[in-house]
C-alpha cells in the first residue's frame, strides 16, 4: 500500500517504456509555471547533453529578446539593438553570445536576425503524480503541455475510479491518465501528441533539465 506520492515515482520510472523510449529522466522539473513530478525526455540529435557555452542570460530572456528583434532575416538597426539590450547589465556579453551562436549577424551598419532560439528537447512526456486528488492533478498536468509532447496525471489504483467517472475532462484538456499499482502501471487514457511549443516555459524546462542531467 502506497502512502506517499513520492513512492509512485520509482514505479513510473521502472515502467517508462510503456510511454515510449527515453534516454533521460528527471524529477521535480520546473518550467516557471508548475513543477512536474517526473519527466522522461530525449534530446534532438544535434543537441549536446551538456551545453558547450553557458548563456549569459536565462533561456527565457533569450526568447523574449529574440522575439523583440523581429522575424528571421529582418534587419536590425544599431539603435534598436542597443535599446533591446539596455535592460541587461552584461549587455556586451549578451551581444557576443548572440553573434557567436549565430542568432544575429553583423552587417556594415546594422545587424540581421538569422534564427530564433530552438528548444533542444526531442520527445518529452511530463507526469503529475497524485495519490487521489485528481482535480488538482489534472490542473497541474495541463500546465505541462506548454513544453511536453504528452502530459499525464498518474493516480494511485485505489482512487482511480473517481477520475474514471470524469474521463471526458481529461480528453477535453488533452491530458492522459495513468493508473499506478503497487508494482506497475496501466495507461487508462492516452493524450494526443502535440508539438513542443517554443515559448518561455519550454525554454526554462529545457534549461533546467540540462542543468540536472
N, C-alpha and C. Protein backbone atom coordinates (compact mmCIF):
# COMPACT_ATOMS: atom_id res chain seq x y z
N UNK A 1 0.85 -1.19 0.00
CA UNK A 1 0.00 0.00 0.00
C UNK A 1 0.88 1.25 0.00
N UNK A 2 0.68 2.11 -0.97
CA UNK A 2 1.45 3.34 -1.04
C UNK A 2 0.79 4.41 -0.16
N UNK A 3 1.62 5.17 0.52
CA UNK A 3 1.10 6.22 1.40
C UNK A 3 1.59 7.60 1.01
N UNK A 4 2.61 7.66 0.17
CA UNK A 4 3.16 8.95 -0.26
C UNK A 4 3.25 8.99 -1.79
N UNK A 5 3.03 10.18 -2.33
CA UNK A 5 3.12 10.33 -3.79
C UNK A 5 4.53 10.03 -4.29
N UNK A 6 5.53 10.32 -3.47
CA UNK A 6 6.92 10.06 -3.87
C UNK A 6 7.17 8.57 -4.11
N UNK A 7 6.36 7.70 -3.50
CA UNK A 7 6.52 6.26 -3.70
C UNK A 7 6.06 5.82 -5.09
N UNK A 8 5.32 6.68 -5.77
CA UNK A 8 4.84 6.36 -7.11
C UNK A 8 5.94 6.55 -8.15
N UNK A 9 6.90 7.42 -7.84
CA UNK A 9 7.88 7.80 -8.86
C UNK A 9 8.78 6.64 -9.30
N UNK A 10 9.30 5.80 -8.38
CA UNK A 10 10.10 4.66 -8.84
C UNK A 10 9.30 3.69 -9.72
N UNK A 11 8.00 3.58 -9.45
CA UNK A 11 7.16 2.69 -10.25
C UNK A 11 6.99 3.26 -11.66
N UNK A 12 6.78 4.57 -11.74
CA UNK A 12 6.67 5.22 -13.05
C UNK A 12 7.98 5.08 -13.82
N UNK A 13 9.09 5.28 -13.13
CA UNK A 13 10.40 5.18 -13.78
C UNK A 13 10.67 3.78 -14.29
N UNK A 14 10.33 2.78 -13.50
CA UNK A 14 10.59 1.39 -13.89
C UNK A 14 9.74 0.94 -15.07
N UNK A 15 8.64 1.66 -15.31
CA UNK A 15 7.72 1.27 -16.39
C UNK A 15 7.62 2.33 -17.48
N UNK A 16 8.62 3.18 -17.58
CA UNK A 16 8.55 4.29 -18.55
C UNK A 16 8.52 3.81 -20.00
N UNK A 17 8.97 2.56 -20.24
CA UNK A 17 8.96 2.04 -21.61
C UNK A 17 7.54 1.92 -22.15
N UNK A 18 6.54 1.92 -21.27
CA UNK A 18 5.15 1.87 -21.72
C UNK A 18 4.71 3.20 -22.32
N UNK A 19 5.51 4.23 -22.05
CA UNK A 19 5.19 5.57 -22.54
C UNK A 19 6.03 5.97 -23.74
N UNK A 20 7.05 5.18 -24.03
CA UNK A 20 7.94 5.50 -25.15
C UNK A 20 9.36 5.08 -24.82
N UNK A 21 10.28 5.48 -25.66
CA UNK A 21 11.70 5.18 -25.45
C UNK A 21 12.42 6.48 -25.13
N UNK A 22 12.98 6.54 -23.93
CA UNK A 22 13.59 7.78 -23.46
C UNK A 22 14.99 7.53 -22.93
N UNK A 23 15.87 8.47 -23.22
CA UNK A 23 17.25 8.36 -22.74
C UNK A 23 17.44 9.01 -21.38
N UNK A 24 16.66 10.05 -21.11
CA UNK A 24 16.83 10.81 -19.87
C UNK A 24 15.54 10.90 -19.08
N UNK A 25 15.70 11.13 -17.80
CA UNK A 25 14.56 11.43 -16.95
C UNK A 25 15.01 12.33 -15.80
N UNK A 26 14.08 13.12 -15.31
CA UNK A 26 14.37 14.00 -14.19
C UNK A 26 13.11 14.18 -13.37
N UNK A 27 13.29 14.50 -12.10
CA UNK A 27 12.17 14.73 -11.21
C UNK A 27 12.11 16.19 -10.79
N UNK A 28 10.92 16.63 -10.41
CA UNK A 28 10.71 18.00 -9.93
C UNK A 28 11.22 19.02 -10.94
N UNK A 29 10.79 18.88 -12.19
CA UNK A 29 11.25 19.79 -13.24
C UNK A 29 10.35 21.02 -13.31
N UNK A 30 10.96 22.19 -13.14
CA UNK A 30 10.21 23.44 -13.19
C UNK A 30 10.30 24.08 -14.57
N UNK A 31 9.17 24.59 -15.01
CA UNK A 31 9.12 25.35 -16.26
C UNK A 31 8.85 26.82 -15.99
N UNK A 32 8.82 27.18 -14.70
CA UNK A 32 8.42 28.53 -14.34
C UNK A 32 6.91 28.66 -14.22
N UNK A 33 6.20 27.59 -14.55
CA UNK A 33 4.73 27.57 -14.45
C UNK A 33 4.32 26.15 -14.09
N UNK A 34 4.69 25.76 -12.90
CA UNK A 34 4.40 24.41 -12.44
C UNK A 34 5.65 23.54 -12.41
N UNK A 35 5.63 22.53 -11.53
CA UNK A 35 6.76 21.62 -11.37
C UNK A 35 6.25 20.19 -11.55
N UNK A 36 6.68 19.54 -12.61
CA UNK A 36 6.27 18.17 -12.89
C UNK A 36 7.01 17.20 -11.97
N UNK A 37 6.30 16.18 -11.50
CA UNK A 37 6.92 15.21 -10.60
C UNK A 37 8.01 14.41 -11.30
N UNK A 38 7.74 13.98 -12.52
CA UNK A 38 8.75 13.25 -13.28
C UNK A 38 8.58 13.56 -14.77
N UNK A 39 9.70 13.69 -15.45
CA UNK A 39 9.69 13.98 -16.89
C UNK A 39 10.66 13.03 -17.57
N UNK A 40 10.18 12.34 -18.59
CA UNK A 40 11.02 11.49 -19.43
C UNK A 40 11.23 12.23 -20.75
N UNK A 41 12.48 12.23 -21.23
CA UNK A 41 12.73 13.02 -22.44
C UNK A 41 13.94 12.53 -23.22
N UNK A 42 13.95 12.91 -24.48
CA UNK A 42 15.11 12.75 -25.36
C UNK A 42 15.51 14.13 -25.85
N UNK A 43 16.73 14.24 -26.33
CA UNK A 43 17.20 15.48 -26.92
C UNK A 43 17.24 15.34 -28.43
N UNK A 44 17.16 16.45 -29.12
CA UNK A 44 17.31 16.43 -30.57
C UNK A 44 18.71 15.92 -30.92
N UNK A 45 18.86 15.27 -32.06
CA UNK A 45 20.17 14.69 -32.43
C UNK A 45 21.33 15.67 -32.40
N UNK A 46 21.07 16.93 -32.71
CA UNK A 46 22.15 17.91 -32.76
C UNK A 46 22.28 18.72 -31.47
N UNK A 47 21.62 18.24 -30.41
CA UNK A 47 21.68 18.93 -29.13
C UNK A 47 22.62 18.20 -28.20
N UNK A 48 23.65 18.90 -27.73
CA UNK A 48 24.59 18.31 -26.78
C UNK A 48 23.92 18.19 -25.42
N UNK A 49 24.20 17.10 -24.69
CA UNK A 49 23.63 16.92 -23.36
C UNK A 49 24.13 18.02 -22.41
N UNK A 50 25.37 18.39 -22.58
CA UNK A 50 25.92 19.48 -21.78
C UNK A 50 26.26 20.63 -22.73
N UNK A 51 25.70 21.76 -22.49
CA UNK A 51 25.91 22.91 -23.37
C UNK A 51 27.39 23.27 -23.45
N UNK A 52 27.86 23.56 -24.64
CA UNK A 52 29.25 23.97 -24.82
C UNK A 52 29.49 25.38 -24.30
N UNK A 53 28.46 26.17 -24.22
CA UNK A 53 28.59 27.53 -23.75
C UNK A 53 27.42 27.86 -22.82
N UNK A 54 27.74 28.42 -21.68
CA UNK A 54 26.69 28.82 -20.75
C UNK A 54 26.18 30.19 -21.16
N UNK A 55 24.90 30.31 -21.51
CA UNK A 55 24.37 31.61 -21.92
C UNK A 55 24.52 32.63 -20.80
N UNK A 56 24.78 33.89 -21.15
CA UNK A 56 24.94 34.93 -20.13
C UNK A 56 23.63 35.36 -19.49
N UNK A 57 22.51 34.95 -20.08
CA UNK A 57 21.19 35.23 -19.51
C UNK A 57 20.34 33.98 -19.63
N UNK A 58 19.22 33.93 -18.94
CA UNK A 58 18.36 32.76 -18.96
C UNK A 58 17.75 32.56 -20.35
N UNK A 59 17.44 31.30 -20.64
CA UNK A 59 16.87 30.97 -21.94
C UNK A 59 15.57 31.73 -22.19
N UNK A 60 14.77 31.89 -21.14
CA UNK A 60 13.51 32.62 -21.30
C UNK A 60 13.77 34.06 -21.73
N UNK A 61 14.83 34.66 -21.19
CA UNK A 61 15.18 36.04 -21.57
C UNK A 61 15.70 36.09 -23.01
N UNK A 62 16.40 35.04 -23.43
CA UNK A 62 16.87 34.98 -24.82
C UNK A 62 15.68 34.94 -25.77
N UNK A 63 14.68 34.14 -25.44
CA UNK A 63 13.48 34.06 -26.29
C UNK A 63 12.78 35.40 -26.36
N UNK A 64 12.62 36.06 -25.22
CA UNK A 64 11.96 37.38 -25.22
C UNK A 64 12.74 38.37 -26.08
N UNK A 65 14.05 38.36 -25.91
CA UNK A 65 14.89 39.29 -26.66
C UNK A 65 14.81 39.03 -28.15
N UNK A 66 14.92 37.79 -28.55
CA UNK A 66 14.86 37.46 -29.97
C UNK A 66 13.49 37.76 -30.57
N UNK A 67 12.45 37.55 -29.79
CA UNK A 67 11.10 37.91 -30.27
C UNK A 67 11.00 39.41 -30.50
N UNK A 68 11.62 40.18 -29.62
CA UNK A 68 11.60 41.64 -29.75
C UNK A 68 12.37 42.11 -30.98
N UNK A 69 13.31 41.29 -31.44
CA UNK A 69 14.13 41.67 -32.59
C UNK A 69 13.47 41.34 -33.93
N UNK A 70 12.27 40.76 -33.89
CA UNK A 70 11.55 40.50 -35.13
C UNK A 70 11.77 39.12 -35.70
N UNK A 71 11.36 38.96 -36.95
CA UNK A 71 11.45 37.67 -37.60
C UNK A 71 12.81 37.39 -38.21
N UNK A 72 12.99 36.17 -38.69
CA UNK A 72 14.25 35.78 -39.32
C UNK A 72 14.52 36.63 -40.55
N UNK A 73 15.78 36.95 -40.76
CA UNK A 73 16.26 37.76 -41.88
C UNK A 73 15.88 39.23 -41.78
N UNK A 74 15.27 39.61 -40.68
CA UNK A 74 14.91 41.01 -40.51
C UNK A 74 16.14 41.84 -40.14
N UNK A 75 16.28 43.00 -40.77
CA UNK A 75 17.42 43.88 -40.49
C UNK A 75 17.14 44.66 -39.21
N UNK A 76 18.14 44.72 -38.34
CA UNK A 76 18.01 45.37 -37.05
C UNK A 76 18.97 46.55 -37.00
N UNK A 77 18.48 47.72 -36.75
CA UNK A 77 19.35 48.89 -36.67
C UNK A 77 20.18 48.83 -35.39
N UNK A 78 21.31 49.50 -35.40
CA UNK A 78 22.17 49.55 -34.21
C UNK A 78 21.42 50.18 -33.04
N UNK A 79 20.64 51.22 -33.34
CA UNK A 79 19.87 51.90 -32.29
C UNK A 79 18.87 50.96 -31.65
N UNK A 80 18.17 50.20 -32.50
CA UNK A 80 17.17 49.26 -31.98
C UNK A 80 17.82 48.19 -31.12
N UNK A 81 18.94 47.67 -31.56
CA UNK A 81 19.62 46.62 -30.81
C UNK A 81 20.09 47.15 -29.45
N UNK A 82 20.60 48.37 -29.43
CA UNK A 82 21.04 48.97 -28.17
C UNK A 82 19.86 49.13 -27.22
N UNK A 83 18.71 49.51 -27.76
CA UNK A 83 17.52 49.67 -26.93
C UNK A 83 17.09 48.34 -26.33
N UNK A 84 17.14 47.29 -27.14
CA UNK A 84 16.71 45.97 -26.66
C UNK A 84 17.68 45.40 -25.63
N UNK A 85 18.94 45.77 -25.72
CA UNK A 85 19.95 45.25 -24.79
C UNK A 85 20.11 46.11 -23.55
N UNK A 86 19.45 47.25 -23.55
CA UNK A 86 19.66 48.22 -22.46
C UNK A 86 19.28 47.67 -21.08
N UNK A 87 18.37 46.73 -21.05
CA UNK A 87 17.93 46.20 -19.76
C UNK A 87 18.86 45.18 -19.13
N UNK A 88 19.92 44.80 -19.84
CA UNK A 88 20.86 43.81 -19.32
C UNK A 88 22.14 44.49 -18.85
N UNK A 89 22.54 44.19 -17.63
CA UNK A 89 23.77 44.77 -17.09
C UNK A 89 25.01 44.24 -17.82
N UNK A 90 24.92 43.03 -18.36
CA UNK A 90 26.02 42.41 -19.10
C UNK A 90 25.75 42.44 -20.60
N UNK A 91 25.27 43.58 -21.09
CA UNK A 91 24.81 43.67 -22.48
C UNK A 91 25.90 43.31 -23.49
N UNK A 92 27.17 43.58 -23.19
CA UNK A 92 28.24 43.23 -24.12
C UNK A 92 28.40 41.71 -24.24
N UNK A 93 28.25 41.02 -23.11
CA UNK A 93 28.31 39.56 -23.14
C UNK A 93 27.13 38.99 -23.91
N UNK A 94 25.98 39.58 -23.73
CA UNK A 94 24.78 39.11 -24.43
C UNK A 94 24.95 39.30 -25.93
N UNK A 95 25.45 40.44 -26.35
CA UNK A 95 25.67 40.70 -27.77
C UNK A 95 26.67 39.71 -28.35
N UNK A 96 27.74 39.44 -27.63
CA UNK A 96 28.74 38.47 -28.09
C UNK A 96 28.12 37.09 -28.24
N UNK A 97 27.30 36.72 -27.28
CA UNK A 97 26.63 35.42 -27.32
C UNK A 97 25.72 35.32 -28.55
N UNK A 98 24.94 36.36 -28.80
CA UNK A 98 24.02 36.36 -29.94
C UNK A 98 24.78 36.23 -31.26
N UNK A 99 25.91 36.89 -31.35
CA UNK A 99 26.72 36.84 -32.57
C UNK A 99 27.41 35.48 -32.73
N UNK A 100 28.07 35.03 -31.69
CA UNK A 100 28.87 33.80 -31.80
C UNK A 100 28.02 32.55 -31.92
N UNK A 101 26.81 32.59 -31.39
CA UNK A 101 25.92 31.44 -31.51
C UNK A 101 25.00 31.54 -32.73
N UNK A 102 25.22 32.56 -33.56
CA UNK A 102 24.54 32.65 -34.84
C UNK A 102 23.11 33.11 -34.82
N UNK A 103 22.69 33.76 -33.73
CA UNK A 103 21.32 34.28 -33.69
C UNK A 103 21.19 35.55 -34.54
N UNK A 104 22.24 36.38 -34.53
CA UNK A 104 22.26 37.59 -35.35
C UNK A 104 23.58 37.67 -36.08
N UNK A 105 23.58 38.44 -37.15
CA UNK A 105 24.79 38.62 -37.98
C UNK A 105 25.05 40.12 -38.11
N UNK A 106 26.31 40.50 -37.97
CA UNK A 106 26.66 41.91 -38.08
C UNK A 106 26.87 42.29 -39.53
N UNK A 107 26.20 43.36 -39.95
CA UNK A 107 26.37 43.90 -41.29
C UNK A 107 27.23 45.16 -41.20
N UNK A 108 27.32 45.90 -42.28
CA UNK A 108 28.20 47.07 -42.29
C UNK A 108 27.76 48.13 -41.28
N UNK A 109 26.48 48.45 -41.25
CA UNK A 109 26.00 49.49 -40.34
C UNK A 109 24.71 49.05 -39.64
N UNK A 110 24.50 47.74 -39.53
CA UNK A 110 23.30 47.21 -38.88
C UNK A 110 23.54 45.73 -38.57
N UNK A 111 22.48 45.06 -38.16
CA UNK A 111 22.54 43.62 -37.87
C UNK A 111 21.37 42.94 -38.58
N UNK A 112 21.47 41.65 -38.72
CA UNK A 112 20.39 40.86 -39.29
C UNK A 112 20.10 39.69 -38.36
N UNK A 113 18.83 39.48 -38.06
CA UNK A 113 18.45 38.31 -37.27
C UNK A 113 18.50 37.08 -38.16
N UNK A 114 19.20 36.04 -37.72
CA UNK A 114 19.39 34.85 -38.52
C UNK A 114 18.44 33.72 -38.11
N UNK A 115 18.25 33.55 -36.81
CA UNK A 115 17.42 32.43 -36.35
C UNK A 115 16.84 32.75 -34.97
N UNK A 116 15.85 31.95 -34.59
CA UNK A 116 15.26 32.05 -33.27
C UNK A 116 15.88 31.01 -32.35
N UNK A 117 15.64 31.16 -31.08
CA UNK A 117 16.09 30.17 -30.10
C UNK A 117 15.34 28.87 -30.32
N UNK A 118 16.04 27.77 -30.29
CA UNK A 118 15.42 26.47 -30.52
C UNK A 118 15.57 25.60 -29.28
N UNK A 119 14.44 25.17 -28.74
CA UNK A 119 14.45 24.28 -27.58
C UNK A 119 15.01 22.93 -28.01
N UNK A 120 15.94 22.40 -27.24
CA UNK A 120 16.65 21.18 -27.63
C UNK A 120 15.97 19.87 -27.29
N UNK A 121 14.75 19.94 -26.76
CA UNK A 121 14.03 18.70 -26.48
C UNK A 121 13.68 17.98 -27.77
N UNK A 122 13.79 16.65 -27.74
CA UNK A 122 13.30 15.83 -28.84
C UNK A 122 11.88 15.40 -28.55
N UNK A 123 11.72 14.46 -27.64
CA UNK A 123 10.41 13.96 -27.23
C UNK A 123 10.31 14.09 -25.72
N UNK A 124 9.18 14.58 -25.23
CA UNK A 124 9.01 14.84 -23.80
C UNK A 124 7.66 14.33 -23.31
N UNK A 125 7.68 13.58 -22.22
CA UNK A 125 6.46 13.18 -21.51
C UNK A 125 6.58 13.66 -20.08
N UNK A 126 5.62 14.47 -19.63
CA UNK A 126 5.62 15.02 -18.28
C UNK A 126 4.48 14.40 -17.48
N UNK A 127 4.74 14.09 -16.21
CA UNK A 127 3.75 13.40 -15.39
C UNK A 127 3.59 14.08 -14.04
N UNK A 128 2.35 14.27 -13.65
CA UNK A 128 2.00 14.71 -12.30
C UNK A 128 1.48 13.49 -11.55
N UNK A 129 2.06 13.20 -10.40
CA UNK A 129 1.68 12.03 -9.61
C UNK A 129 0.84 12.45 -8.40
N UNK A 130 -0.33 11.85 -8.25
CA UNK A 130 -1.20 12.12 -7.11
C UNK A 130 -1.72 10.79 -6.56
N UNK A 131 -1.86 10.74 -5.24
CA UNK A 131 -2.48 9.56 -4.66
C UNK A 131 -3.97 9.51 -5.01
N UNK A 132 -4.67 10.67 -4.84
CA UNK A 132 -6.11 10.63 -5.07
C UNK A 132 -6.74 11.95 -5.54
N UNK A 133 -6.05 13.06 -5.43
CA UNK A 133 -6.66 14.36 -5.77
C UNK A 133 -6.58 14.59 -7.28
N UNK A 134 -7.52 13.98 -8.02
CA UNK A 134 -7.43 14.03 -9.49
C UNK A 134 -7.72 15.41 -10.05
N UNK A 135 -8.59 16.18 -9.41
CA UNK A 135 -8.92 17.50 -9.95
C UNK A 135 -7.71 18.43 -9.91
N UNK A 136 -7.05 18.47 -8.79
CA UNK A 136 -5.84 19.28 -8.69
C UNK A 136 -4.74 18.76 -9.62
N UNK A 137 -4.64 17.45 -9.69
CA UNK A 137 -3.62 16.84 -10.55
C UNK A 137 -3.86 17.13 -12.01
N UNK A 138 -5.13 17.11 -12.44
CA UNK A 138 -5.45 17.42 -13.84
C UNK A 138 -5.04 18.85 -14.17
N UNK A 139 -5.34 19.77 -13.26
CA UNK A 139 -4.97 21.18 -13.48
C UNK A 139 -3.46 21.33 -13.60
N UNK A 140 -2.73 20.65 -12.73
CA UNK A 140 -1.27 20.76 -12.76
C UNK A 140 -0.71 20.12 -14.03
N UNK A 141 -1.20 18.96 -14.39
CA UNK A 141 -0.70 18.28 -15.58
C UNK A 141 -1.00 19.07 -16.85
N UNK A 142 -2.13 19.76 -16.86
CA UNK A 142 -2.50 20.57 -18.02
C UNK A 142 -1.44 21.63 -18.32
N UNK A 143 -0.82 22.18 -17.28
CA UNK A 143 0.17 23.23 -17.47
C UNK A 143 1.44 22.71 -18.15
N UNK A 144 1.73 21.43 -18.00
CA UNK A 144 2.96 20.88 -18.58
C UNK A 144 2.87 20.76 -20.09
N UNK A 145 1.69 20.91 -20.64
CA UNK A 145 1.55 20.88 -22.10
C UNK A 145 2.31 22.01 -22.76
N UNK A 146 2.72 23.03 -22.00
CA UNK A 146 3.49 24.13 -22.57
C UNK A 146 4.85 23.68 -23.07
N UNK A 147 5.35 22.53 -22.57
CA UNK A 147 6.69 22.10 -23.01
C UNK A 147 6.77 20.60 -23.31
N UNK A 148 5.67 19.88 -23.13
CA UNK A 148 5.72 18.43 -23.34
C UNK A 148 4.90 18.02 -24.56
N UNK A 149 5.33 16.94 -25.20
CA UNK A 149 4.54 16.37 -26.30
C UNK A 149 3.28 15.70 -25.76
N UNK A 150 3.43 15.11 -24.57
CA UNK A 150 2.29 14.48 -23.91
C UNK A 150 2.39 14.73 -22.40
N UNK A 151 1.25 15.00 -21.79
CA UNK A 151 1.21 15.24 -20.35
C UNK A 151 0.21 14.28 -19.72
N UNK A 152 0.60 13.70 -18.58
CA UNK A 152 -0.24 12.71 -17.91
C UNK A 152 -0.45 13.05 -16.44
N UNK A 153 -1.58 12.60 -15.92
CA UNK A 153 -1.79 12.53 -14.48
C UNK A 153 -1.72 11.06 -14.09
N UNK A 154 -0.90 10.74 -13.11
CA UNK A 154 -0.80 9.37 -12.60
C UNK A 154 -1.49 9.32 -11.24
N UNK A 155 -2.45 8.42 -11.10
CA UNK A 155 -3.21 8.27 -9.86
C UNK A 155 -3.02 6.86 -9.29
N UNK A 156 -3.04 6.79 -7.98
CA UNK A 156 -2.89 5.50 -7.30
C UNK A 156 -4.17 4.68 -7.49
N UNK A 157 -3.99 3.40 -7.75
CA UNK A 157 -5.07 2.49 -8.13
C UNK A 157 -6.31 2.52 -7.24
N UNK A 158 -6.18 2.55 -5.90
CA UNK A 158 -7.40 2.53 -5.06
C UNK A 158 -8.32 3.73 -5.27
N UNK A 159 -7.80 4.79 -5.89
CA UNK A 159 -8.59 6.01 -6.03
C UNK A 159 -8.87 6.37 -7.49
N UNK A 160 -8.46 5.51 -8.42
CA UNK A 160 -8.57 5.84 -9.84
C UNK A 160 -10.03 5.90 -10.29
N UNK A 161 -10.92 5.20 -9.59
CA UNK A 161 -12.33 5.14 -10.02
C UNK A 161 -12.97 6.53 -10.03
N UNK A 162 -12.48 7.40 -9.15
CA UNK A 162 -13.04 8.74 -9.10
C UNK A 162 -12.75 9.52 -10.39
N UNK A 163 -11.54 9.36 -10.90
CA UNK A 163 -11.17 10.06 -12.14
C UNK A 163 -11.81 9.42 -13.36
N UNK A 164 -11.98 8.10 -13.33
CA UNK A 164 -12.58 7.39 -14.48
C UNK A 164 -13.97 7.94 -14.80
N UNK A 165 -14.67 8.38 -13.78
CA UNK A 165 -16.02 8.90 -14.00
C UNK A 165 -16.01 10.21 -14.79
N UNK A 166 -14.85 10.86 -14.81
CA UNK A 166 -14.74 12.15 -15.48
C UNK A 166 -13.67 12.11 -16.58
N UNK A 167 -13.58 10.97 -17.26
CA UNK A 167 -12.56 10.82 -18.29
C UNK A 167 -12.73 11.84 -19.40
N UNK A 168 -13.94 12.33 -19.58
CA UNK A 168 -14.18 13.36 -20.58
C UNK A 168 -13.42 14.64 -20.29
N UNK A 169 -13.19 14.94 -19.03
CA UNK A 169 -12.42 16.12 -18.65
C UNK A 169 -10.97 15.97 -19.10
N UNK A 170 -10.43 14.78 -18.99
CA UNK A 170 -9.06 14.53 -19.42
C UNK A 170 -8.95 14.67 -20.94
N UNK A 171 -9.93 14.17 -21.64
CA UNK A 171 -9.93 14.28 -23.10
C UNK A 171 -10.10 15.74 -23.52
N UNK A 172 -10.92 16.47 -22.80
CA UNK A 172 -11.16 17.88 -23.11
C UNK A 172 -9.87 18.69 -23.04
N UNK A 173 -9.06 18.41 -22.01
CA UNK A 173 -7.83 19.18 -21.80
C UNK A 173 -6.60 18.47 -22.35
N UNK A 174 -6.82 17.36 -23.05
CA UNK A 174 -5.75 16.57 -23.66
C UNK A 174 -4.65 16.21 -22.66
N UNK A 175 -5.08 15.67 -21.55
CA UNK A 175 -4.18 15.15 -20.52
C UNK A 175 -4.46 13.66 -20.37
N UNK A 176 -3.42 12.87 -20.36
CA UNK A 176 -3.59 11.43 -20.22
C UNK A 176 -3.78 11.01 -18.78
N UNK A 177 -4.27 9.78 -18.59
CA UNK A 177 -4.49 9.25 -17.25
C UNK A 177 -3.78 7.91 -17.11
N UNK A 178 -2.98 7.79 -16.05
CA UNK A 178 -2.23 6.57 -15.77
C UNK A 178 -2.68 6.02 -14.42
N UNK A 179 -2.93 4.73 -14.37
CA UNK A 179 -3.23 4.05 -13.10
C UNK A 179 -1.95 3.40 -12.58
N UNK A 180 -1.57 3.75 -11.36
CA UNK A 180 -0.37 3.20 -10.75
C UNK A 180 -0.77 2.21 -9.67
N UNK A 181 -0.27 0.98 -9.78
CA UNK A 181 -0.49 -0.03 -8.75
C UNK A 181 0.77 -0.13 -7.89
N UNK A 182 0.79 -1.06 -6.96
CA UNK A 182 1.97 -1.22 -6.11
C UNK A 182 3.16 -1.75 -6.89
N UNK A 183 2.91 -2.33 -8.06
CA UNK A 183 4.01 -2.96 -8.80
C UNK A 183 4.15 -2.50 -10.25
N UNK A 184 3.18 -1.76 -10.76
CA UNK A 184 3.26 -1.38 -12.17
C UNK A 184 2.30 -0.25 -12.50
N UNK A 185 2.01 -0.12 -13.78
CA UNK A 185 1.09 0.93 -14.21
C UNK A 185 0.32 0.48 -15.45
N UNK A 186 -0.80 1.15 -15.66
CA UNK A 186 -1.62 0.93 -16.85
C UNK A 186 -2.05 2.29 -17.39
N UNK A 187 -1.92 2.47 -18.68
CA UNK A 187 -2.37 3.72 -19.31
C UNK A 187 -3.87 3.61 -19.55
N UNK A 188 -4.64 4.41 -18.84
CA UNK A 188 -6.09 4.39 -18.97
C UNK A 188 -6.53 5.22 -20.18
N UNK A 189 -5.91 6.37 -20.34
CA UNK A 189 -6.26 7.26 -21.45
C UNK A 189 -4.98 7.93 -21.95
N UNK A 190 -4.73 7.81 -23.25
CA UNK A 190 -3.53 8.40 -23.84
C UNK A 190 -3.89 9.71 -24.54
N UNK A 191 -3.17 10.79 -24.22
CA UNK A 191 -3.48 12.07 -24.86
C UNK A 191 -2.94 12.12 -26.28
N UNK A 192 -3.52 13.00 -27.08
CA UNK A 192 -2.99 13.22 -28.41
C UNK A 192 -1.61 13.87 -28.31
N UNK A 193 -0.72 13.44 -29.17
CA UNK A 193 0.62 14.01 -29.17
C UNK A 193 0.59 15.41 -29.76
N UNK A 194 1.26 16.36 -29.11
CA UNK A 194 1.35 17.73 -29.58
C UNK A 194 2.82 18.09 -29.82
N UNK A 195 3.05 19.02 -30.71
CA UNK A 195 4.41 19.51 -30.92
C UNK A 195 4.81 20.40 -29.74
N UNK A 196 6.09 20.36 -29.40
CA UNK A 196 6.59 21.20 -28.31
C UNK A 196 6.50 22.66 -28.73
N UNK A 197 5.97 23.47 -27.85
CA UNK A 197 5.77 24.88 -28.16
C UNK A 197 7.02 25.69 -27.82
N UNK A 198 7.52 26.47 -28.77
CA UNK A 198 8.72 27.29 -28.50
C UNK A 198 8.32 28.54 -27.71
N UNK A 199 8.34 28.44 -26.40
CA UNK A 199 7.96 29.56 -25.55
C UNK A 199 8.87 29.63 -24.34
N UNK A 200 8.61 30.58 -23.46
CA UNK A 200 9.49 30.75 -22.30
C UNK A 200 9.41 29.56 -21.35
N UNK A 201 8.29 28.86 -21.35
CA UNK A 201 8.15 27.72 -20.44
C UNK A 201 8.95 26.52 -20.94
N UNK A 202 8.88 26.25 -22.24
CA UNK A 202 9.66 25.14 -22.79
C UNK A 202 11.15 25.44 -22.71
N UNK A 203 11.53 26.71 -22.89
CA UNK A 203 12.94 27.09 -22.78
C UNK A 203 13.44 26.92 -21.36
N UNK A 204 12.63 27.32 -20.39
CA UNK A 204 13.01 27.19 -18.99
C UNK A 204 13.09 25.73 -18.57
N UNK A 205 12.13 24.92 -19.01
CA UNK A 205 12.15 23.49 -18.69
C UNK A 205 13.38 22.82 -19.29
N UNK A 206 13.70 23.17 -20.54
CA UNK A 206 14.88 22.60 -21.19
C UNK A 206 16.15 23.00 -20.47
N UNK A 207 16.25 24.25 -20.12
CA UNK A 207 17.43 24.75 -19.41
C UNK A 207 17.60 24.02 -18.08
N UNK A 208 16.51 23.86 -17.34
CA UNK A 208 16.59 23.19 -16.05
C UNK A 208 16.88 21.70 -16.19
N UNK A 209 16.34 21.07 -17.23
CA UNK A 209 16.60 19.65 -17.46
C UNK A 209 18.08 19.42 -17.75
N UNK A 210 18.69 20.29 -18.56
CA UNK A 210 20.10 20.15 -18.89
C UNK A 210 20.97 20.35 -17.64
N UNK A 211 20.57 21.27 -16.77
CA UNK A 211 21.35 21.55 -15.58
C UNK A 211 21.42 20.37 -14.63
N UNK A 212 20.34 19.58 -14.56
CA UNK A 212 20.32 18.47 -13.60
C UNK A 212 20.67 17.14 -14.24
N UNK A 213 20.81 17.10 -15.56
CA UNK A 213 21.11 15.81 -16.23
C UNK A 213 22.54 15.37 -15.95
